[in-house]
Amino acid sequence: MRIFQLLFIFLCYSSIFAQKQNFRSRSEIGFLLGGSYYIGDLNQFGHFKNTQLSGGVLYRFNINPRVSLRANATFGSVEASDAASRNKIVQNRNLSFSSQLYEVGAGLEFSYFPFQLGHPRYKGTAYLLTEIAFFHMNPIAEINGDQIELQSLGTEGQGTSLSSKGNYSKTQLAIPLGVGCKFSLGKSISLSFEYGIRKTFTDYLDDVGGSRYVNRDELAEINGPLAAALSNRSLDGSIYGRRGNPATKDWYVFFGGMITFKLGQPNKCVAP
């Protein structure tokens, strides 16, 4: 019985909110600016390490004071280099990469406290974010001053007899999970701060997935000498070192501040 009472209160609360608002007054559009970085084979534990500038746009539709629909398009970049590691073994591996990231995602925001932009009582709240997103990556390495796209080279023998894997796709699925807080800055403007980590389903954001090096001479015959040179860049030339960790997937992060603007005002009269 208590469950039905709580459900009735929630529905009434949402109905009252809906009566006072219209589509435009519940809609917000905004901009975000912050940083991006990645966690993977070339940066296993260094949160905020190699942070790059990121930005984007977002749309928010407030269903009720606790739940909002959210859509966003975000741009950023990630990079890492073994040369910056303090671990001598990692330094010897000598791999590096950079990649531009373009992400489009949509999902739900769940506010901890009731929040209504411009309301004198509901001025701020913490929130959780969960989304489904698609992102485009393009890992690049620098060699002799040239920027080389790695995916088409098959540096681990992808798509050849040297590997059981085919070439990975540059467009991938991600699950953004975030936490944040937002505040009213008057009747039509809000300010938010957010940290969102992205679970991916690829180990090739950095072009490093396999644990071992493939035979350099065989790879050179099949995919060319450039693929072989970028496959194993170890300082000592060893073919027995560990290239990556296939047991884990790569992650990336967008974080920063957002400012949003309400697109309209509530109706002056509440419908009966």
Protein backbone atom coordinates (compact mmCIF):
# COMPACT_ATOMS: atom_id res chain seq x y z
CA MET A 1 0.00 0.00 0.00
CA ARG A 2 2.82 2.40 0.84
CA ILE A 3 4.35 1.83 -2.62
CA PHE A 4 1.11 2.95 -4.29
CA GLN A 5 0.96 6.02 -2.06
CA LEU A 6 4.49 7.03 -3.03
CA LEU A 7 3.71 6.42 -6.71
CA PHE A 8 0.57 8.58 -6.43
CA ILE A 9 2.57 11.43 -4.83
CA PHE A 10 5.24 11.21 -7.55
CA LEU A 11 2.66 11.31 -10.36
CA CYS A 12 0.86 14.26 -8.78
CA TYR A 13 4.15 16.09 -8.35
CA SER A 14 5.05 15.50 -11.99
CA SER A 15 1.57 16.56 -13.13
CA ILE A 16 1.75 19.85 -11.25
CA PHE A 17 5.16 20.54 -12.77
CA ALA A 18 3.88 19.74 -16.26
CA GLN A 19 0.88 22.03 -15.84
CA LYS A 20 3.08 25.01 -15.05
CA GLN A 21 5.59 24.35 -17.80
CA ASN A 22 5.49 24.07 -21.57
CA PHE A 23 7.86 22.45 -24.05
CA ARG A 24 10.05 25.53 -24.49
CA SER A 25 10.25 26.33 -20.77
CA ARG A 26 11.34 22.76 -20.04
CA SER A 27 13.99 22.86 -22.80
CA GLU A 28 17.56 24.10 -22.39
CA ILE A 29 20.39 24.45 -24.85
CA GLY A 30 23.95 25.05 -23.82
CA PHE A 31 27.67 24.79 -24.32
CA LEU A 32 30.37 22.87 -22.49
CA LEU A 33 34.09 23.51 -22.17
CA GLY A 34 36.64 21.43 -20.33
CA GLY A 35 39.20 18.69 -20.78
CA SER A 36 39.61 15.14 -22.05
CA TYR A 37 42.04 12.29 -21.37
CA TYR A 38 42.19 8.55 -21.74
CA ILE A 39 42.97 5.43 -19.67
CA GLY A 40 44.45 2.46 -21.53
CA ASP A 41 47.62 0.55 -22.38
CA LEU A 42 49.74 3.71 -22.67
CA ASN A 43 48.27 5.36 -19.57
CA GLN A 44 46.93 2.76 -17.17
CA PHE A 45 46.39 4.76 -13.98
CA GLY A 46 47.12 8.45 -14.62
CA HIS A 47 43.79 10.23 -14.24
CA PHE A 48 43.93 13.77 -15.72
CA LYS A 49 47.34 12.96 -17.23
CA ASN A 50 47.86 14.45 -20.71
CA THR A 51 44.58 16.38 -20.44
CA GLN A 52 43.57 18.07 -23.70
CA LEU A 53 40.97 20.78 -24.41
CA SER A 54 37.41 19.64 -25.13
CA GLY A 55 34.09 21.30 -25.88
CA GLY A 56 30.60 20.70 -27.19
CA VAL A 57 26.91 21.53 -27.25
CA LEU A 58 24.00 19.97 -25.39
CA TYR A 59 20.23 19.91 -25.22
CA ARG A 60 18.33 19.14 -22.00
CA PHE A 61 14.59 18.48 -21.65
CA ASN A 62 13.35 18.51 -18.05
CA ILE A 63 10.65 15.84 -17.66
CA ASN A 64 10.13 16.76 -14.01
CA PRO A 65 12.29 18.33 -11.25
CA ARG A 66 14.31 15.12 -10.82
CA VAL A 67 14.59 13.58 -14.29
CA SER A 68 15.85 15.15 -17.53
CA LEU A 69 16.46 13.87 -21.03
CA ARG A 70 19.85 14.84 -22.37
CA ALA A 71 21.56 14.87 -25.78
CA ASN A 72 25.06 16.17 -26.47
CA ALA A 73 27.73 16.38 -29.14
CA THR A 74 31.27 16.60 -27.77
CA PHE A 75 34.69 17.07 -29.32
CA GLY A 76 38.07 16.46 -27.72
CA SER A 77 41.40 14.71 -28.12
CA VAL A 78 43.54 12.24 -26.19
CA GLU A 79 47.20 11.35 -26.28
CA ALA A 80 49.87 9.39 -24.41
CA SER A 81 53.55 8.54 -24.76
CA ASP A 82 55.72 5.89 -23.16
CA ALA A 83 58.56 8.42 -23.07
CA ALA A 84 56.76 10.24 -20.24
CA SER A 85 56.59 7.13 -18.03
CA ARG A 86 58.84 6.62 -15.00
CA ASN A 87 58.85 2.87 -15.62
CA LYS A 88 61.99 1.81 -17.53
CA ILE A 89 60.22 -1.14 -19.15
CA VAL A 90 57.45 1.11 -20.42
CA GLN A 91 59.98 3.67 -21.64
CA ASN A 92 61.72 0.91 -23.62
CA ARG A 93 58.43 -0.02 -25.33
CA ASN A 94 58.51 3.53 -26.77
CA LEU A 95 54.95 3.66 -28.16
CA SER A 96 52.91 6.86 -28.48
CA PHE A 97 49.65 8.01 -30.03
CA SER A 98 47.16 10.85 -30.29
CA SER A 99 43.56 10.85 -31.50
CA GLN A 100 40.75 13.29 -32.10
CA LEU A 101 37.43 12.19 -30.57
CA TYR A 102 33.98 13.10 -31.87
CA GLU A 103 31.10 11.87 -29.70
CA VAL A 104 27.30 12.00 -29.99
CA GLY A 105 25.31 10.70 -27.04
CA ALA A 106 21.89 10.75 -25.38
CA GLY A 107 20.51 9.58 -22.05
CA LEU A 108 19.09 10.59 -18.69
CA GLU A 109 20.05 12.92 -15.85
CA PHE A 110 18.82 11.98 -12.35
CA SER A 111 18.87 14.88 -9.87
CA TYR A 112 19.49 14.19 -6.18
CA PHE A 113 17.36 17.18 -5.13
CA PRO A 114 14.42 18.68 -7.04
CA PHE A 115 15.71 21.25 -9.51
CA GLN A 116 13.82 23.77 -11.63
CA LEU A 117 15.65 26.48 -13.51
CA GLY A 118 14.60 29.89 -12.20
CA HIS A 119 12.60 28.50 -9.26
CA PRO A 120 13.38 30.41 -6.02
CA ARG A 121 13.41 27.20 -3.98
CA TYR A 122 14.98 24.57 -6.24
CA LYS A 123 18.22 26.37 -7.04
CA GLY A 124 20.81 23.59 -7.11
CA THR A 125 21.40 19.87 -7.02
CA ALA A 126 23.89 17.10 -7.60
CA TYR A 127 23.03 14.65 -10.38
CA LEU A 128 23.96 11.38 -12.06
CA LEU A 129 24.22 10.90 -15.82
CA THR A 130 23.90 7.74 -17.88
CA GLU A 131 23.96 7.70 -21.69
CA ILE A 132 24.57 5.66 -24.81
CA ALA A 133 27.01 7.24 -27.25
CA PHE A 134 28.87 6.69 -30.49
CA PHE A 135 32.33 8.14 -30.99
CA HIS A 136 34.81 8.40 -33.84
CA MET A 137 38.52 7.93 -33.22
CA ASN A 138 41.61 7.95 -35.42
CA PRO A 139 44.82 6.96 -33.60
CA ILE A 140 47.92 8.64 -35.02
CA ALA A 141 51.63 8.23 -34.32
CA GLU A 142 54.45 10.58 -35.18
CA ILE A 143 57.52 9.23 -36.93
CA ASN A 144 60.28 11.39 -38.39
CA GLY A 145 58.06 14.43 -37.99
CA ASP A 146 55.17 12.92 -39.98
CA GLN A 147 51.70 12.17 -38.58
CA ILE A 148 50.80 8.59 -39.54
CA GLU A 149 47.27 7.14 -39.26
CA LEU A 150 47.63 3.74 -37.63
CA GLN A 151 44.33 1.92 -38.21
CA SER A 152 44.90 1.18 -41.91
CA LEU A 153 48.44 -0.12 -41.29
CA GLY A 154 47.40 -3.09 -39.14
CA THR A 155 50.35 -2.73 -36.76
CA GLU A 156 49.39 -5.96 -34.98
CA GLY A 157 48.76 -7.85 -38.20
CA GLN A 158 45.00 -7.28 -38.14
CA GLY A 159 43.33 -8.60 -41.28
CA THR A 160 46.30 -10.79 -42.20
CA SER A 161 47.44 -14.34 -41.48
CA LEU A 162 49.50 -12.96 -38.59
CA SER A 163 46.42 -12.24 -36.50
CA SER A 164 42.99 -13.72 -35.85
CA LYS A 165 41.49 -10.21 -35.69
CA GLY A 166 40.27 -8.01 -38.50
CA ASN A 167 40.87 -4.27 -38.77
CA TYR A 168 39.09 -2.41 -35.99
CA SER A 169 36.47 0.23 -36.74
CA LYS A 170 37.14 3.91 -36.14
CA THR A 171 33.51 4.36 -35.03
CA GLN A 172 32.71 2.71 -31.71
CA LEU A 173 30.03 2.43 -29.03
CA ALA A 174 30.55 3.93 -25.57
CA ILE A 175 28.59 4.08 -22.31
CA PRO A 176 29.08 7.50 -20.66
CA LEU A 177 28.62 7.53 -16.86
CA GLY A 178 28.88 10.86 -15.09
CA VAL A 179 28.37 12.85 -11.94
CA GLY A 180 27.80 16.57 -11.70
CA CYS A 181 26.15 19.50 -10.00
CA LYS A 182 24.04 22.33 -11.44
CA PHE A 183 22.86 25.70 -10.17
CA SER A 184 20.43 28.39 -11.29
CA LEU A 185 21.98 31.71 -12.24
CA GLY A 186 18.69 33.52 -12.49
CA LYS A 187 15.44 32.68 -14.25
CA SER A 188 16.88 31.43 -17.53
CA ILE A 189 20.54 30.42 -17.06
CA SER A 190 22.14 27.49 -15.25
CA LEU A 191 25.74 26.54 -14.58
CA SER A 192 26.87 22.91 -14.31
CA PHE A 193 30.10 21.09 -13.55
CA GLU A 194 30.43 17.51 -14.73
CA TYR A 195 32.86 14.59 -14.82
CA GLY A 196 31.96 11.76 -17.21
CA ILE A 197 33.93 8.60 -17.85
CA ARG A 198 33.26 6.58 -21.00
CA LYS A 199 33.32 2.80 -21.03
CA THR A 200 34.27 1.62 -24.51
CA PHE A 201 34.18 -1.80 -26.12
CA THR A 202 37.45 -1.48 -27.98
CA ASP A 203 41.08 -1.91 -26.97
CA TYR A 204 42.34 0.08 -29.96
CA LEU A 205 41.68 3.68 -29.02
CA ASP A 206 45.49 3.81 -28.72
CA ASP A 207 46.08 1.22 -31.51
CA VAL A 208 47.50 -1.14 -28.86
CA GLY A 209 45.57 -4.31 -28.08
CA GLY A 210 47.66 -7.47 -28.46
CA SER A 211 50.07 -8.68 -25.81
CA ARG A 212 52.89 -9.71 -28.17
CA TYR A 213 54.67 -8.26 -31.19
CA VAL A 214 54.09 -9.91 -34.54
CA ASN A 215 57.05 -10.90 -36.70
CA ARG A 216 58.38 -7.64 -38.10
CA ASP A 217 59.78 -9.12 -41.31
CA GLU A 218 56.55 -10.94 -42.15
CA LEU A 219 54.48 -7.84 -41.36
CA ALA A 220 56.74 -5.75 -43.61
CA GLU A 221 56.15 -8.16 -46.49
CA ILE A 222 52.37 -8.08 -46.06
CA ASN A 223 51.55 -4.54 -44.87
CA GLY A 224 54.73 -2.70 -45.75
CA PRO A 225 57.84 -1.45 -43.91
CA LEU A 226 56.00 1.48 -42.27
CA ALA A 227 53.57 -0.89 -40.53
CA ALA A 228 56.50 -2.98 -39.31
CA ALA A 229 58.39 0.08 -38.05
CA LEU A 230 55.38 1.33 -36.06
CA SER A 231 54.48 -2.12 -34.77
CA ASN A 232 57.63 -2.52 -32.68
CA ARG A 233 59.35 0.73 -31.69
CA SER A 234 61.17 -0.68 -28.64
CA LEU A 235 64.46 1.02 -27.93
CA ASP A 236 66.36 -2.25 -27.57
CA GLY A 237 64.72 -3.83 -30.62
CA SER A 238 63.44 -6.78 -28.59
CA ILE A 239 60.62 -8.89 -30.08
CA TYR A 240 59.82 -10.53 -26.75
CA GLY A 241 58.50 -7.54 -24.81
CA ARG A 242 54.86 -7.02 -23.85
CA ARG A 243 53.06 -4.70 -26.28
CA GLY A 244 49.65 -4.33 -24.58
CA ASN A 245 47.04 -5.90 -22.31
CA PRO A 246 44.21 -7.62 -24.23
CA ALA A 247 42.32 -8.31 -20.99
CA THR A 248 41.20 -4.68 -20.60
CA LYS A 249 39.38 -2.17 -22.79
CA ASP A 250 40.21 1.52 -23.19
CA TRP A 251 38.34 4.35 -21.45
CA TYR A 252 38.19 8.08 -22.05
CA VAL A 253 36.89 11.03 -20.05
CA PHE A 254 35.21 14.36 -20.73
CA PHE A 255 34.93 16.84 -17.86
CA GLY A 256 34.34 20.55 -17.39
CA GLY A 257 31.76 23.27 -17.02
CA MET A 258 28.50 23.85 -18.87
CA ILE A 259 26.24 26.84 -19.20
CA THR A 260 22.67 26.35 -20.45
CA PHE A 261 19.85 28.71 -21.40
CA LYS A 262 16.13 28.07 -21.07
CA LEU A 263 14.39 28.36 -24.46
CA GLY A 264 11.10 29.79 -23.16
CA GLN A 265 9.00 30.82 -20.18
CA PRO A 266 6.19 28.89 -18.42
CA ASN A 267 2.55 29.52 -19.24
CA LYS A 268 1.07 32.31 -17.16
CA CYS A 269 -2.08 30.35 -16.42
CA VAL A 270 -2.13 26.82 -15.01
CA ALA A 271 -4.54 24.52 -16.83
CA PRO A 272 -7.20 23.01 -14.54
